[in-house]
C-alpha atoms as a PDB file:
ATOM      1  CA  UNK A   1      42.146 -11.517 167.160  1.00  0.00           C
ATOM      2  CA  UNK A   2      45.906 -11.283 166.517  1.00  0.00           C
ATOM      3  CA  UNK A   3      46.025 -14.902 165.303  1.00  0.00           C
ATOM      4  CA  UNK A   4      43.315 -14.162 162.731  1.00  0.00           C
ATOM      5  CA  UNK A   5      45.231 -11.100 161.551  1.00  0.00           C
ATOM      6  CA  UNK A   6      48.408 -13.148 161.142  1.00  0.00           C
ATOM      7  CA  UNK A   7      46.467 -15.848 159.263  1.00  0.00           C
ATOM      8  CA  UNK A   8      45.002 -13.167 156.981  1.00  0.00           C
ATOM      9  CA  UNK A   9      48.460 -11.718 156.355  1.00  0.00           C
ATOM     10  CA  UNK A  10      49.749 -15.160 155.341  1.00  0.00           C
ATOM     11  CA  UNK A  11      46.732 -15.682 153.088  1.00  0.00           C
ATOM     12  CA  UNK A  12      47.267 -12.339 151.342  1.00  0.00           C
ATOM     13  CA  UNK A  13      50.958 -13.122 150.797  1.00  0.00           C
ATOM     14  CA  UNK A  14      50.157 -16.578 149.400  1.00  0.00           C
ATOM     15  CA  UNK A  15      47.472 -15.221 147.061  1.00  0.00           C
ATOM     16  CA  UNK A  16      49.784 -12.514 145.733  1.00  0.00           C
ATOM     17  CA  UNK A  17      52.558 -15.037 145.176  1.00  0.00           C
ATOM     18  CA  UNK A  18      50.226 -17.473 143.409  1.00  0.00           C
ATOM     19  CA  UNK A  19      48.790 -14.796 141.144  1.00  0.00           C
ATOM     20  CA  UNK A  20      52.291 -13.725 140.141  1.00  0.00           C
ATOM     21  CA  UNK A  21      53.892 -17.154 139.621  1.00  0.00           C
ATOM     22  CA  UNK A  22      51.174 -19.820 139.777  1.00  0.00           C
ATOM     23  CA  UNK A  23      50.034 -20.693 136.253  1.00  0.00           C
ATOM     24  CA  UNK A  24      46.584 -22.023 137.203  1.00  0.00           C
ATOM     25  CA  UNK A  25      45.520 -19.061 139.289  1.00  0.00           C
ATOM     26  CA  UNK A  26      47.127 -16.687 136.801  1.00  0.00           C
ATOM     27  CA  UNK A  27      44.966 -18.113 133.990  1.00  0.00           C
ATOM     28  CA  UNK A  28      41.840 -17.937 136.147  1.00  0.00           C
ATOM     29  CA  UNK A  29      42.526 -14.301 137.002  1.00  0.00           C
ATOM     30  CA  UNK A  30      43.064 -13.552 133.291  1.00  0.00           C
ATOM     31  CA  UNK A  31      39.631 -15.004 132.428  1.00  0.00           C
ATOM     32  CA  UNK A  32      37.953 -13.130 135.270  1.00  0.00           C
ATOM     33  CA  UNK A  33      39.621  -9.913 134.158  1.00  0.00           C
ATOM     34  CA  UNK A  34      39.311 -10.141 130.378  1.00  0.00           C
ATOM     35  CA  UNK A  35      36.441 -12.531 129.714  1.00  0.00           C
ATOM     36  CA  UNK A  36      33.269 -11.391 127.952  1.00  0.00           C
ATOM     37  CA  UNK A  37      31.617 -10.532 131.264  1.00  0.00           C
ATOM     38  CA  UNK A  38      34.948  -9.903 132.971  1.00  0.00           C
ATOM     39  CA  UNK A  39      35.918  -7.055 135.228  1.00  0.00           C
ATOM     40  CA  UNK A  40      37.402  -4.935 132.433  1.00  0.00           C
ATOM     41  CA  UNK A  41      34.122  -4.958 130.506  1.00  0.00           C
ATOM     42  CA  UNK A  42      32.173  -4.178 133.662  1.00  0.00           C
ATOM     43  CA  UNK A  43      34.434  -1.196 134.344  1.00  0.00           C
ATOM     44  CA  UNK A  44      33.771   0.109 130.828  1.00  0.00           C
ATOM     45  CA  UNK A  45      30.014  -0.165 131.423  1.00  0.00           C
ATOM     46  CA  UNK A  46      30.382   1.913 134.582  1.00  0.00           C
ATOM     47  CA  UNK A  47      32.459   4.456 132.659  1.00  0.00           C
ATOM     48  CA  UNK A  48      29.689   4.844 130.063  1.00  0.00           C
ATOM     49  CA  UNK A  49      27.049   5.348 132.767  1.00  0.00           C
ATOM     50  CA  UNK A  50      28.943   8.153 134.492  1.00  0.00           C
ATOM     51  CA  UNK A  51      30.086  11.006 132.239  1.00  0.00           C
ATOM     52  CA  UNK A  52      32.140  12.435 135.130  1.00  0.00           C
ATOM     53  CA  UNK A  53      34.600   9.591 134.617  1.00  0.00           C
ATOM     54  CA  UNK A  54      37.350  10.454 132.153  1.00  0.00           C
ATOM     55  CA  UNK A  55      36.128   8.903 128.894  1.00  0.00           C
ATOM     56  CA  UNK A  56      39.671   8.734 127.514  1.00  0.00           C
ATOM     57  CA  UNK A  57      40.807   6.190 130.101  1.00  0.00           C
ATOM     58  CA  UNK A  58      41.108   2.596 128.926  1.00  0.00           C
ATOM     59  CA  UNK A  59      39.633  -0.280 130.908  1.00  0.00           C
ATOM     60  CA  UNK A  60      43.014  -1.250 132.442  1.00  0.00           C
ATOM     61  CA  UNK A  61      43.640   2.380 133.383  1.00  0.00           C
ATOM     62  CA  UNK A  62      40.222   2.631 135.028  1.00  0.00           C
ATOM     63  CA  UNK A  63      40.798  -0.548 136.954  1.00  0.00           C
ATOM     64  CA  UNK A  64      44.211   0.662 138.069  1.00  0.00           C
ATOM     65  CA  UNK A  65      42.654   3.915 139.338  1.00  0.00           C
ATOM     66  CA  UNK A  66      40.119   1.907 141.319  1.00  0.00           C
ATOM     67  CA  UNK A  67      42.362  -0.820 142.678  1.00  0.00           C
ATOM     68  CA  UNK A  68      45.762   0.799 143.206  1.00  0.00           C
ATOM     69  CA  UNK A  69      44.910   2.825 146.338  1.00  0.00           C
ATOM     70  CA  UNK A  70      43.122  -0.170 147.890  1.00  0.00           C
ATOM     71  CA  UNK A  71      45.929  -2.546 146.967  1.00  0.00           C
ATOM     72  CA  UNK A  72      48.522  -0.185 148.442  1.00  0.00           C
ATOM     73  CA  UNK A  73      46.556   0.044 151.692  1.00  0.00           C
ATOM     74  CA  UNK A  74      46.096  -3.732 151.947  1.00  0.00           C
ATOM     75  CA  UNK A  75      49.771  -4.292 151.151  1.00  0.00           C
ATOM     76  CA  UNK A  76      50.779  -1.754 153.793  1.00  0.00           C
ATOM     77  CA  UNK A  77      48.545  -3.156 156.508  1.00  0.00           C
ATOM     78  CA  UNK A  78      48.536  -6.885 155.711  1.00  0.00           C
ATOM     79  CA  UNK A  79      51.865  -7.650 154.091  1.00  0.00           C
ATOM     80  CA  UNK A  80      54.175  -5.051 155.612  1.00  0.00           C
ATOM     81  CA  UNK A  81      52.168  -5.010 158.845  1.00  0.00           C
ATOM     82  CA  UNK A  82      52.315  -1.209 159.092  1.00  0.00           C
ATOM     83  CA  UNK A  83      49.283  -0.262 161.125  1.00  0.00           C
ATOM     84  CA  UNK A  84      47.201   2.806 160.451  1.00  0.00           C
ATOM     85  CA  UNK A  85      46.906   5.362 163.217  1.00  0.00           C
ATOM     86  CA  UNK A  86      43.796   6.769 161.533  1.00  0.00           C
ATOM     87  CA  UNK A  87      41.796   4.086 159.648  1.00  0.00           C
ATOM     88  CA  UNK A  88      38.856   6.413 158.890  1.00  0.00           C
ATOM     89  CA  UNK A  89      41.204   9.070 157.567  1.00  0.00           C
ATOM     90  CA  UNK A  90      42.991   6.505 155.426  1.00  0.00           C
ATOM     91  CA  UNK A  91      39.703   5.312 153.930  1.00  0.00           C
ATOM     92  CA  UNK A  92      38.759   8.902 153.098  1.00  0.00           C
ATOM     93  CA  UNK A  93      42.162   9.351 151.478  1.00  0.00           C
ATOM     94  CA  UNK A  94      41.619   6.193 149.408  1.00  0.00           C
ATOM     95  CA  UNK A  95      38.258   7.568 148.270  1.00  0.00           C
ATOM     96  CA  UNK A  96      39.869  10.875 147.248  1.00  0.00           C
ATOM     97  CA  UNK A  97      42.651   9.024 145.407  1.00  0.00           C
ATOM     98  CA  UNK A  98      40.157   6.899 143.468  1.00  0.00           C
ATOM     99  CA  UNK A  99      38.025   9.906 142.539  1.00  0.00           C
ATOM    100  CA  UNK A 100      41.082  11.934 141.515  1.00  0.00           C
ATOM    101  CA  UNK A 101      42.195   9.132 139.233  1.00  0.00           C
ATOM    102  CA  UNK A 102      38.826   8.670 137.573  1.00  0.00           C
ATOM    103  CA  UNK A 103      37.625  12.229 137.043  1.00  0.00           C
ATOM    104  CA  UNK A 104      38.811  14.129 134.000  1.00  0.00           C
ATOM    105  CA  UNK A 105      40.939  17.177 134.712  1.00  0.00           C
ATOM    106  CA  UNK A 106      39.405  18.990 131.723  1.00  0.00           C
END
């Protein structure tokens, strides 16, 4: 089990590095994000379907609200190797963070 976790940590580090500096993967990610049926357009469709989501947020802002808490948790546990003492509690916190970011305060 520990070997698989270490392999996963190395994979996450390599992927992050390649996305940041690797031209080929960077271009692929750009197409997946901003293409006609890319993630940003899909996020906007979700925003239109749910009036509870702040309608003033742009697609990149929406995506950041969705991904940032998850990314921080993965970075903490996979890259920094800081283990969670309460995984269920952390997942509930991530859910609250996502909802807080998406819902309009008005």
